[in-house]
Structures are given as structure tokens and as C-alpha cells.
PDB file of N, CA and C in Angstrom:
ATOM      1  N   UNK A   1     -17.210  36.273  16.453  1.00  0.00           N
ATOM      2  CA  UNK A   1     -17.108  35.166  17.374  1.00  0.00           C
ATOM      3  C   UNK A   1     -18.402  34.359  17.374  1.00  0.00           C
ATOM      4  N   UNK A   2     -19.503  35.065  17.370  1.00  0.00           N
ATOM      5  CA  UNK A   2     -20.799  34.394  17.366  1.00  0.00           C
ATOM      6  C   UNK A   2     -20.993  33.610  16.072  1.00  0.00           C
ATOM      7  N   UNK A   3     -20.470  34.151  14.969  1.00  0.00           N
ATOM      8  CA  UNK A   3     -20.574  33.472  13.683  1.00  0.00           C
ATOM      9  C   UNK A   3     -19.860  32.117  13.731  1.00  0.00           C
ATOM     10  N   UNK A   4     -18.633  32.089  14.253  1.00  0.00           N
ATOM     11  CA  UNK A   4     -17.864  30.848  14.312  1.00  0.00           C
ATOM     12  C   UNK A   4     -18.519  29.829  15.236  1.00  0.00           C
ATOM     13  N   UNK A   5     -19.053  30.301  16.349  1.00  0.00           N
ATOM     14  CA  UNK A   5     -19.740  29.401  17.281  1.00  0.00           C
ATOM     15  C   UNK A   5     -20.989  28.812  16.628  1.00  0.00           C
ATOM     16  N   UNK A   6     -21.759  29.650  15.944  1.00  0.00           N
ATOM     17  CA  UNK A   6     -22.958  29.176  15.253  1.00  0.00           C
ATOM     18  C   UNK A   6     -22.586  28.205  14.139  1.00  0.00           C
ATOM     19  N   UNK A   7     -21.562  28.537  13.399  1.00  0.00           N
ATOM     20  CA  UNK A   7     -21.115  27.672  12.309  1.00  0.00           C
ATOM     21  C   UNK A   7     -20.677  26.314  12.845  1.00  0.00           C
ATOM     22  N   UNK A   8     -19.942  26.297  13.959  1.00  0.00           N
ATOM     23  CA  UNK A   8     -19.472  25.045  14.542  1.00  0.00           C
ATOM     24  C   UNK A   8     -20.648  24.191  15.037  1.00  0.00           C
ATOM     25  N   UNK A   9     -21.618  24.825  15.697  1.00  0.00           N
ATOM     26  CA  UNK A   9     -22.790  24.090  16.199  1.00  0.00           C
ATOM     27  C   UNK A   9     -23.568  23.501  15.031  1.00  0.00           C
ATOM     28  N   UNK A  10     -23.769  24.276  13.977  1.00  0.00           N
ATOM     29  CA  UNK A  10     -24.497  23.775  12.815  1.00  0.00           C
ATOM     30  C   UNK A  10     -23.730  22.646  12.129  1.00  0.00           C
ATOM     31  N   UNK A  11     -22.427  22.767  12.057  1.00  0.00           N
ATOM     32  CA  UNK A  11     -21.600  21.730  11.436  1.00  0.00           C
ATOM     33  C   UNK A  11     -21.696  20.426  12.225  1.00  0.00           C
ATOM     34  N   UNK A  12     -21.589  20.500  13.531  1.00  0.00           N
ATOM     35  CA  UNK A  12     -21.701  19.304  14.361  1.00  0.00           C
ATOM     36  C   UNK A  12     -23.099  18.713  14.252  1.00  0.00           C
ATOM     37  N   UNK A  13     -24.123  19.548  14.306  1.00  0.00           N
ATOM     38  CA  UNK A  13     -25.506  19.064  14.193  1.00  0.00           C
ATOM     39  C   UNK A  13     -25.729  18.399  12.837  1.00  0.00           C
ATOM     40  N   UNK A  14     -25.256  19.008  11.745  1.00  0.00           N
ATOM     41  CA  UNK A  14     -25.419  18.444  10.409  1.00  0.00           C
ATOM     42  C   UNK A  14     -24.682  17.110  10.299  1.00  0.00           C
ATOM     43  N   UNK A  15     -23.462  17.028  10.804  1.00  0.00           N
ATOM     44  CA  UNK A  15     -22.693  15.788  10.745  1.00  0.00           C
ATOM     45  C   UNK A  15     -23.365  14.667  11.524  1.00  0.00           C
ATOM     46  N   UNK A  16     -23.820  14.973  12.733  1.00  0.00           N
ATOM     47  CA  UNK A  16     -24.491  13.955  13.548  1.00  0.00           C
ATOM     48  C   UNK A  16     -25.800  13.523  12.894  1.00  0.00           C
ATOM     49  N   UNK A  17     -26.536  14.473  12.338  1.00  0.00           N
ATOM     50  CA  UNK A  17     -27.804  14.133  11.680  1.00  0.00           C
ATOM     51  C   UNK A  17     -27.554  13.270  10.446  1.00  0.00           C
ATOM     52  N   UNK A  18     -26.585  13.640   9.649  1.00  0.00           N
ATOM     53  CA  UNK A  18     -26.276  12.870   8.444  1.00  0.00           C
ATOM     54  C   UNK A  18     -25.852  11.444   8.803  1.00  0.00           C
ATOM     55  N   UNK A  19     -24.984  11.303   9.807  1.00  0.00           N
ATOM     56  CA  UNK A  19     -24.515   9.986  10.239  1.00  0.00           C
ATOM     57  C   UNK A  19     -25.685   9.141  10.729  1.00  0.00           C
ATOM     58  N   UNK A  20     -26.574   9.740  11.524  1.00  0.00           N
ATOM     59  CA  UNK A  20     -27.722   9.010  12.059  1.00  0.00           C
ATOM     60  C   UNK A  20     -28.652   8.549  10.944  1.00  0.00           C
ATOM     61  N   UNK A  21     -28.967   9.441  10.018  1.00  0.00           N
ATOM     62  CA  UNK A  21     -29.863   9.086   8.908  1.00  0.00           C
ATOM     63  C   UNK A  21     -29.230   7.997   8.046  1.00  0.00           C
ATOM     64  N   UNK A  22     -27.950   8.085   7.793  1.00  0.00           N
ATOM     65  CA  UNK A  22     -27.279   7.081   6.976  1.00  0.00           C
ATOM     66  C   UNK A  22     -27.291   5.711   7.660  1.00  0.00           C
ATOM     67  N   UNK A  23     -27.004   5.681   8.945  1.00  0.00           N
ATOM     68  CA  UNK A  23     -26.999   4.405   9.670  1.00  0.00           C
ATOM     69  C   UNK A  23     -28.400   3.799   9.744  1.00  0.00           C
ATOM     70  N   UNK A  24     -29.385   4.628   9.977  1.00  0.00           N
ATOM     71  CA  UNK A  24     -30.762   4.132  10.043  1.00  0.00           C
ATOM     72  C   UNK A  24     -31.200   3.599   8.677  1.00  0.00           C
ATOM     73  N   UNK A  25     -30.907   4.327   7.608  1.00  0.00           N
ATOM     74  CA  UNK A  25     -31.318   3.861   6.279  1.00  0.00           C
ATOM     75  C   UNK A  25     -30.595   2.567   5.907  1.00  0.00           C
ATOM     76  N   UNK A  26     -29.319   2.451   6.232  1.00  0.00           N
ATOM     77  CA  UNK A  26     -28.612   1.199   5.961  1.00  0.00           C
ATOM     78  C   UNK A  26     -29.196   0.051   6.772  1.00  0.00           C
ATOM     79  N   UNK A  27     -29.588   0.320   8.005  1.00  0.00           N
ATOM     80  CA  UNK A  27     -30.205  -0.715   8.833  1.00  0.00           C
ATOM     81  C   UNK A  27     -31.546  -1.165   8.279  1.00  0.00           C
ATOM     82  N   UNK A  28     -32.348  -0.226   7.825  1.00  0.00           N
ATOM     83  CA  UNK A  28     -33.655  -0.572   7.250  1.00  0.00           C
ATOM     84  C   UNK A  28     -33.465  -1.376   5.966  1.00  0.00           C
ATOM     85  N   UNK A  29     -32.547  -0.960   5.134  1.00  0.00           N
ATOM     86  CA  UNK A  29     -32.285  -1.714   3.905  1.00  0.00           C
ATOM     87  C   UNK A  29     -31.808  -3.119   4.238  1.00  0.00           C
ATOM     88  N   UNK A  30     -30.963  -3.256   5.247  1.00  0.00           N
ATOM     89  CA  UNK A  30     -30.461  -4.577   5.627  1.00  0.00           C
ATOM     90  C   UNK A  30     -31.594  -5.464   6.142  1.00  0.00           C
ATOM     91  N   UNK A  31     -32.517  -4.891   6.895  1.00  0.00           N
ATOM     92  CA  UNK A  31     -33.630  -5.682   7.427  1.00  0.00           C
ATOM     93  C   UNK A  31     -34.515  -6.196   6.301  1.00  0.00           C
ATOM     94  N   UNK A  32     -34.829  -5.345   5.320  1.00  0.00           N
ATOM     95  CA  UNK A  32     -35.743  -5.753   4.266  1.00  0.00           C
ATOM     96  C   UNK A  32     -35.070  -6.553   3.151  1.00  0.00           C
ATOM     97  N   UNK A  33     -33.877  -6.187   2.755  1.00  0.00           N
ATOM     98  CA  UNK A  33     -33.225  -6.845   1.638  1.00  0.00           C
ATOM     99  C   UNK A  33     -32.132  -7.786   2.132  1.00  0.00           C
ATOM    100  N   UNK A  34     -31.408  -7.380   3.101  1.00  0.00           N
ATOM    101  CA  UNK A  34     -30.413  -8.132   3.835  1.00  0.00           C
ATOM    102  C   UNK A  34     -29.471  -9.012   3.050  1.00  0.00           C
ATOM    103  N   UNK A  35     -29.735 -10.317   3.045  1.00  0.00           N
ATOM    104  CA  UNK A  35     -28.823 -11.306   2.516  1.00  0.00           C
ATOM    105  C   UNK A  35     -28.518 -11.156   1.042  1.00  0.00           C
ATOM    106  N   UNK A  36     -29.457 -10.658   0.253  1.00  0.00           N
ATOM    107  CA  UNK A  36     -29.231 -10.523  -1.186  1.00  0.00           C
ATOM    108  C   UNK A  36     -28.108  -9.532  -1.470  1.00  0.00           C
ATOM    109  N   UNK A  37     -28.151  -8.400  -0.817  1.00  0.00           N
ATOM    110  CA  UNK A  37     -27.095  -7.408  -1.018  1.00  0.00           C
ATOM    111  C   UNK A  37     -25.772  -7.973  -0.520  1.00  0.00           C
ATOM    112  N   UNK A  38     -25.810  -8.648   0.609  1.00  0.00           N
ATOM    113  CA  UNK A  38     -24.584  -9.227   1.163  1.00  0.00           C
ATOM    114  C   UNK A  38     -23.990 -10.234   0.187  1.00  0.00           C
ATOM    115  N   UNK A  39     -24.815 -11.091  -0.420  1.00  0.00           N
ATOM    116  CA  UNK A  39     -24.327 -12.093  -1.362  1.00  0.00           C
ATOM    117  C   UNK A  39     -23.737 -11.427  -2.604  1.00  0.00           C
ATOM    118  N   UNK A  40     -24.408 -10.390  -3.138  1.00  0.00           N
ATOM    119  CA  UNK A  40     -23.889  -9.683  -4.300  1.00  0.00           C
ATOM    120  C   UNK A  40     -22.557  -9.022  -3.967  1.00  0.00           C
ATOM    121  N   UNK A  41     -22.455  -8.473  -2.773  1.00  0.00           N
ATOM    122  CA  UNK A  41     -21.213  -7.827  -2.352  1.00  0.00           C
ATOM    123  C   UNK A  41     -20.085  -8.846  -2.291  1.00  0.00           C
ATOM    124  N   UNK A  42     -20.360 -10.015  -1.757  1.00  0.00           N
ATOM    125  CA  UNK A  42     -19.350 -11.063  -1.659  1.00  0.00           C
ATOM    126  C   UNK A  42     -18.936 -11.521  -3.057  1.00  0.00           C
ATOM    127  N   UNK A  43     -19.900 -11.718  -3.954  1.00  0.00           N
ATOM    128  CA  UNK A  43     -19.574 -12.143  -5.308  1.00  0.00           C
ATOM    129  C   UNK A  43     -18.724 -11.098  -6.015  1.00  0.00           C
ATOM    130  N   UNK A  44     -19.047  -9.810  -5.829  1.00  0.00           N
ATOM    131  CA  UNK A  44     -18.251  -8.746  -6.439  1.00  0.00           C
ATOM    132  C   UNK A  44     -16.832  -8.763  -5.898  1.00  0.00           C
ATOM    133  N   UNK A  45     -16.696  -8.956  -4.603  1.00  0.00           N
ATOM    134  CA  UNK A  45     -15.363  -8.982  -3.998  1.00  0.00           C
ATOM    135  C   UNK A  45     -14.551 -10.159  -4.533  1.00  0.00           C
ATOM    136  N   UNK A  46     -15.179 -11.301  -4.721  1.00  0.00           N
ATOM    137  CA  UNK A  46     -14.451 -12.449  -5.253  1.00  0.00           C
ATOM    138  C   UNK A  46     -13.970 -12.151  -6.671  1.00  0.00           C
ATOM    139  N   UNK A  47     -14.791 -11.486  -7.459  1.00  0.00           N
ATOM    140  CA  UNK A  47     -14.403 -11.136  -8.819  1.00  0.00           C
ATOM    141  C   UNK A  47     -13.218 -10.174  -8.805  1.00  0.00           C
ATOM    142  N   UNK A  48     -13.285  -9.183  -7.905  1.00  0.00           N
ATOM    143  CA  UNK A  48     -12.183  -8.236  -7.806  1.00  0.00           C
ATOM    144  C   UNK A  48     -10.910  -8.945  -7.360  1.00  0.00           C
ATOM    145  N   UNK A  49     -11.046  -9.911  -6.470  1.00  0.00           N
ATOM    146  CA  UNK A  49      -9.873 -10.630  -5.978  1.00  0.00           C
ATOM    147  C   UNK A  49      -9.215 -11.407  -7.109  1.00  0.00           C
ATOM    148  N   UNK A  50     -10.006 -11.989  -7.999  1.00  0.00           N
ATOM    149  CA  UNK A  50      -9.437 -12.729  -9.125  1.00  0.00           C
ATOM    150  C   UNK A  50      -8.648 -11.786 -10.020  1.00  0.00           C
ATOM    151  N   UNK A  51      -9.165 -10.614 -10.279  1.00  0.00           N
ATOM    152  CA  UNK A  51      -8.456  -9.645 -11.106  1.00  0.00           C
ATOM    153  C   UNK A  51      -7.159  -9.228 -10.418  1.00  0.00           C
ATOM    154  N   UNK A  52      -7.242  -8.955  -9.137  1.00  0.00           N
ATOM    155  CA  UNK A  52      -6.041  -8.550  -8.413  1.00  0.00           C
ATOM    156  C   UNK A  52      -5.013  -9.667  -8.392  1.00  0.00           C
ATOM    157  N   UNK A  53      -5.463 -10.912  -8.307  1.00  0.00           N
ATOM    158  CA  UNK A  53      -4.529 -12.021  -8.280  1.00  0.00           C
ATOM    159  C   UNK A  53      -3.772 -12.109  -9.596  1.00  0.00           C
ATOM    160  N   UNK A  54      -4.454 -11.902 -10.723  1.00  0.00           N
ATOM    161  CA  UNK A  54      -3.780 -11.923 -12.019  1.00  0.00           C
ATOM    162  C   UNK A  54      -2.748 -10.814 -12.100  1.00  0.00           C
ATOM    163  N   UNK A  55      -3.098  -9.639 -11.597  1.00  0.00           N
ATOM    164  CA  UNK A  55      -2.145  -8.533 -11.603  1.00  0.00           C
ATOM    165  C   UNK A  55      -0.976  -8.840 -10.673  1.00  0.00           C
ATOM    166  N   UNK A  56      -1.247  -9.478  -9.557  1.00  0.00           N
ATOM    167  CA  UNK A  56      -0.177  -9.785  -8.613  1.00  0.00           C
ATOM    168  C   UNK A  56       0.816 -10.775  -9.207  1.00  0.00           C
ATOM    169  N   UNK A  57       0.328 -11.701 -10.025  1.00  0.00           N
ATOM    170  CA  UNK A  57       1.240 -12.656 -10.668  1.00  0.00           C
ATOM    171  C   UNK A  57       2.201 -11.910 -11.582  1.00  0.00           C
ATOM    172  N   UNK A  58       1.681 -10.956 -12.368  1.00  0.00           N
ATOM    173  CA  UNK A  58       2.545 -10.170 -13.240  1.00  0.00           C
ATOM    174  C   UNK A  58       3.523  -9.340 -12.414  1.00  0.00           C
ATOM    175  N   UNK A  59       3.044  -8.777 -11.311  1.00  0.00           N
ATOM    176  CA  UNK A  59       3.914  -7.989 -10.452  1.00  0.00           C
ATOM    177  C   UNK A  59       4.946  -8.868  -9.772  1.00  0.00           C
ATOM    178  N   UNK A  60       4.572 -10.091  -9.397  1.00  0.00           N
ATOM    179  CA  UNK A  60       5.519 -11.007  -8.773  1.00  0.00           C
ATOM    180  C   UNK A  60       6.657 -11.336  -9.730  1.00  0.00           C
ATOM    181  N   UNK A  61       6.337 -11.529 -11.010  1.00  0.00           N
ATOM    182  CA  UNK A  61       7.384 -11.781 -12.003  1.00  0.00           C
ATOM    183  C   UNK A  61       8.325 -10.583 -12.110  1.00  0.00           C
ATOM    184  N   UNK A  62       7.753  -9.404 -12.107  1.00  0.00           N
ATOM    185  CA  UNK A  62       8.562  -8.186 -12.186  1.00  0.00           C
ATOM    186  C   UNK A  62       9.415  -8.037 -10.925  1.00  0.00           C
ATOM    187  N   UNK A  63       8.837  -8.312  -9.780  1.00  0.00           N
ATOM    188  CA  UNK A  63       9.574  -8.229  -8.510  1.00  0.00           C
ATOM    189  C   UNK A  63      10.703  -9.257  -8.499  1.00  0.00           C
ATOM    190  N   UNK A  64      10.434 -10.458  -8.987  1.00  0.00           N
ATOM    191  CA  UNK A  64      11.475 -11.489  -9.040  1.00  0.00           C
ATOM    192  C   UNK A  64      12.638 -11.041  -9.925  1.00  0.00           C
ATOM    193  N   UNK A  65      12.325 -10.429 -11.069  1.00  0.00           N
ATOM    194  CA  UNK A  65      13.364  -9.928 -11.964  1.00  0.00           C
ATOM    195  C   UNK A  65      14.190  -8.844 -11.264  1.00  0.00           C
ATOM    196  N   UNK A  66      13.513  -7.942 -10.540  1.00  0.00           N
ATOM    197  CA  UNK A  66      14.224  -6.889  -9.820  1.00  0.00           C
ATOM    198  C   UNK A  66      15.095  -7.466  -8.709  1.00  0.00           C
ATOM    199  N   UNK A  67      14.620  -8.504  -8.029  1.00  0.00           N
ATOM    200  CA  UNK A  67      15.428  -9.146  -6.989  1.00  0.00           C
ATOM    201  C   UNK A  67      16.681  -9.787  -7.578  1.00  0.00           C
ATOM    202  N   UNK A  68      16.543 -10.418  -8.730  1.00  0.00           N
ATOM    203  CA  UNK A  68      17.708 -11.016  -9.384  1.00  0.00           C
ATOM    204  C   UNK A  68      18.720  -9.945  -9.767  1.00  0.00           C
ATOM    205  N   UNK A  69      18.231  -8.817 -10.286  1.00  0.00           N
ATOM    206  CA  UNK A  69      19.127  -7.713 -10.625  1.00  0.00           C
ATOM    207  C   UNK A  69      19.836  -7.197  -9.375  1.00  0.00           C
ATOM    208  N   UNK A  70      19.087  -7.066  -8.301  1.00  0.00           N
ATOM    209  CA  UNK A  70      19.660  -6.566  -7.057  1.00  0.00           C
ATOM    210  C   UNK A  70      20.743  -7.506  -6.544  1.00  0.00           C
ATOM    211  N   UNK A  71      20.485  -8.806  -6.612  1.00  0.00           N
ATOM    212  CA  UNK A  71      21.481  -9.776  -6.153  1.00  0.00           C
ATOM    213  C   UNK A  71      22.745  -9.706  -7.007  1.00  0.00           C
ATOM    214  N   UNK A  72      22.585  -9.575  -8.332  1.00  0.00           N
ATOM    215  CA  UNK A  72      23.767  -9.484  -9.197  1.00  0.00           C
ATOM    216  C   UNK A  72      24.526  -8.188  -8.917  1.00  0.00           C
ATOM    217  N   UNK A  73      23.802  -7.115  -8.632  1.00  0.00           N
ATOM    218  CA  UNK A  73      24.460  -5.849  -8.306  1.00  0.00           C
ATOM    219  C   UNK A  73      25.189  -5.947  -6.964  1.00  0.00           C
ATOM    220  N   UNK A  74      24.622  -6.669  -6.012  1.00  0.00           N
ATOM    221  CA  UNK A  74      25.313  -6.873  -4.736  1.00  0.00           C
ATOM    222  C   UNK A  74      26.628  -7.617  -4.938  1.00  0.00           C
ATOM    223  N   UNK A  75      26.611  -8.629  -5.786  1.00  0.00           N
ATOM    224  CA  UNK A  75      27.827  -9.393  -6.069  1.00  0.00           C
ATOM    225  C   UNK A  75      28.869  -8.486  -6.716  1.00  0.00           C
ATOM    226  N   UNK A  76      28.428  -7.649  -7.659  1.00  0.00           N
ATOM    227  CA  UNK A  76      29.347  -6.724  -8.316  1.00  0.00           C
ATOM    228  C   UNK A  76      29.929  -5.722  -7.313  1.00  0.00           C
ATOM    229  N   UNK A  77      29.099  -5.243  -6.407  1.00  0.00           N
ATOM    230  CA  UNK A  77      29.563  -4.293  -5.398  1.00  0.00           C
ATOM    231  C   UNK A  77      30.588  -4.952  -4.481  1.00  0.00           C
ATOM    232  N   UNK A  78      30.335  -6.192  -4.071  1.00  0.00           N
ATOM    233  CA  UNK A  78      31.293  -6.899  -3.221  1.00  0.00           C
ATOM    234  C   UNK A  78      32.608  -7.112  -3.952  1.00  0.00           C
ATOM    235  N   UNK A  79      32.524  -7.481  -5.216  1.00  0.00           N
ATOM    236  CA  UNK A  79      33.733  -7.684  -6.018  1.00  0.00           C
ATOM    237  C   UNK A  79      34.512  -6.380  -6.149  1.00  0.00           C
ATOM    238  N   UNK A  80      33.814  -5.300  -6.417  1.00  0.00           N
ATOM    239  CA  UNK A  80      34.475  -3.999  -6.535  1.00  0.00           C
ATOM    240  C   UNK A  80      35.079  -3.564  -5.199  1.00  0.00           C
ATOM    241  N   UNK A  81      34.400  -3.854  -4.104  1.00  0.00           N
ATOM    242  CA  UNK A  81      34.929  -3.508  -2.790  1.00  0.00           C
ATOM    243  C   UNK A  81      36.233  -4.244  -2.519  1.00  0.00           C
ATOM    244  N   UNK A  82      36.245  -5.525  -2.855  1.00  0.00           N
ATOM    245  CA  UNK A  82      37.477  -6.311  -2.670  1.00  0.00           C
ATOM    246  C   UNK A  82      38.589  -5.757  -3.553  1.00  0.00           C
ATOM    247  N   UNK A  83      38.259  -5.405  -4.778  1.00  0.00           N
ATOM    248  CA  UNK A  83      39.267  -4.846  -5.692  1.00  0.00           C
ATOM    249  C   UNK A  83      39.800  -3.522  -5.169  1.00  0.00           C
ATOM    250  N   UNK A  84      38.935  -2.681  -4.662  1.00  0.00           N
ATOM    251  CA  UNK A  84      39.354  -1.391  -4.105  1.00  0.00           C
ATOM    252  C   UNK A  84      40.266  -1.603  -2.906  1.00  0.00           C
ATOM    253  N   UNK A  85      39.919  -2.562  -2.055  1.00  0.00           N
ATOM    254  CA  UNK A  85      40.765  -2.846  -0.890  1.00  0.00           C
ATOM    255  C   UNK A  85      42.148  -3.334  -1.325  1.00  0.00           C
ATOM    256  N   UNK A  86      42.206  -4.192  -2.347  1.00  0.00           N
ATOM    257  CA  UNK A  86      43.493  -4.680  -2.845  1.00  0.00           C
ATOM    258  C   UNK A  86      44.320  -3.538  -3.429  1.00  0.00           C
ATOM    259  N   UNK A  87      43.651  -2.676  -4.210  1.00  0.00           N
ATOM    260  CA  UNK A  87      44.355  -1.531  -4.789  1.00  0.00           C
ATOM    261  C   UNK A  87      44.848  -0.584  -3.701  1.00  0.00           C
ATOM    262  N   UNK A  88      44.053  -0.394  -2.660  1.00  0.00           N
ATOM    263  CA  UNK A  88      44.470   0.462  -1.548  1.00  0.00           C
ATOM    264  C   UNK A  88      45.704  -0.099  -0.870  1.00  0.00           C
ATOM    265  N   UNK A  89      45.765  -1.410  -0.689  1.00  0.00           N
ATOM    266  CA  UNK A  89      46.937  -2.039  -0.084  1.00  0.00           C
ATOM    267  C   UNK A  89      48.164  -1.890  -0.975  1.00  0.00           C
ATOM    268  N   UNK A  90      47.963  -2.039  -2.277  1.00  0.00           N
ATOM    269  CA  UNK A  90      49.077  -1.891  -3.218  1.00  0.00           C
ATOM    270  C   UNK A  90      49.618  -0.451  -3.168  1.00  0.00           C
ATOM    271  N   UNK A  91      48.689   0.523  -3.135  1.00  0.00           N
ATOM    272  CA  UNK A  91      49.118   1.923  -3.080  1.00  0.00           C
ATOM    273  C   UNK A  91      49.853   2.207  -1.779  1.00  0.00           C
ATOM    274  N   UNK A  92      49.367   1.666  -0.652  1.00  0.00           N
ATOM    275  CA  UNK A  92      50.046   1.851   0.626  1.00  0.00           C
ATOM    276  C   UNK A  92      51.452   1.268   0.578  1.00  0.00           C
ATOM    277  N   UNK A  93      51.580   0.071   0.023  1.00  0.00           N
ATOM    278  CA  UNK A  93      52.894  -0.592  -0.060  1.00  0.00           C
ATOM    279  C   UNK A  93      53.836   0.193  -0.960  1.00  0.00           C
ATOM    280  N   UNK A  94      53.324   0.765  -2.051  1.00  0.00           N
ATOM    281  CA  UNK A  94      54.150   1.562  -2.961  1.00  0.00           C
ATOM    282  C   UNK A  94      54.647   2.822  -2.270  1.00  0.00           C
ATOM    283  N   UNK A  95      53.787   3.450  -1.465  1.00  0.00           N
ATOM    284  CA  UNK A  95      54.177   4.676  -0.770  1.00  0.00           C
ATOM    285  C   UNK A  95      55.242   4.389   0.281  1.00  0.00           C
ATOM    286  N   UNK A  96      55.115   3.227   0.952  1.00  0.00           N
ATOM    287  CA  UNK A  96      56.082   2.896   2.000  1.00  0.00           C
ATOM    288  C   UNK A  96      57.439   2.527   1.398  1.00  0.00           C
ATOM    289  N   UNK A  97      57.423   1.990   0.222  1.00  0.00           N
ATOM    290  CA  UNK A  97      58.691   1.546  -0.371  1.00  0.00           C
ATOM    291  C   UNK A  97      59.471   2.626  -1.037  1.00  0.00           C
TER     292      UNK A  97
END
């Protein structure tokens, strides 16, 4: 029991210490370097966005093709449903006669 309690206290202390040191170091870096890192980060994000946009165009074409297939399949399903209903009526009429 004492082992688990000690382990939990050390884990919480280590996590809080790590978080504090990380936040302080990021703050110090921001104070001294600040805008340069921010500008590089923004430029990198814009570059990534351009790549993602090109991929999205290819995916949009693929999605459009899948939507067209889905619409044609819906039409086929509706046609088959109507045919099944007509056949069911014919079978009912044959049984009654």
C-alpha cells in the first residue's frame, strides 16, 4: 500500500514538475525569440495547407464519383422496388383467380 501511495505521489510530482519546466522554457524562448518562431510556424502551416488542398481536390473528385455511383444505385433500387411490387400484385391476382 505504501508503495502505491509513494508511486502516485512521485508520479504527480514528476508530471507537475515536467509541465512547469516545459511551460517556463517555452515562455522564455517566446520572450527572446518570439516572433521569428511564430512566423516560421505560420509559413510551415501555409505550406502544409497547400499540400492538403491538392489532396482534397483529388479526394473531392473521388467523392464526386462515389456520389454519382450512389445516385445511380438509388435509381436502380427504386426501379427494382417498383418491379417487385408489380410482381407481388401479379402473384396475388394469380392466387385469387
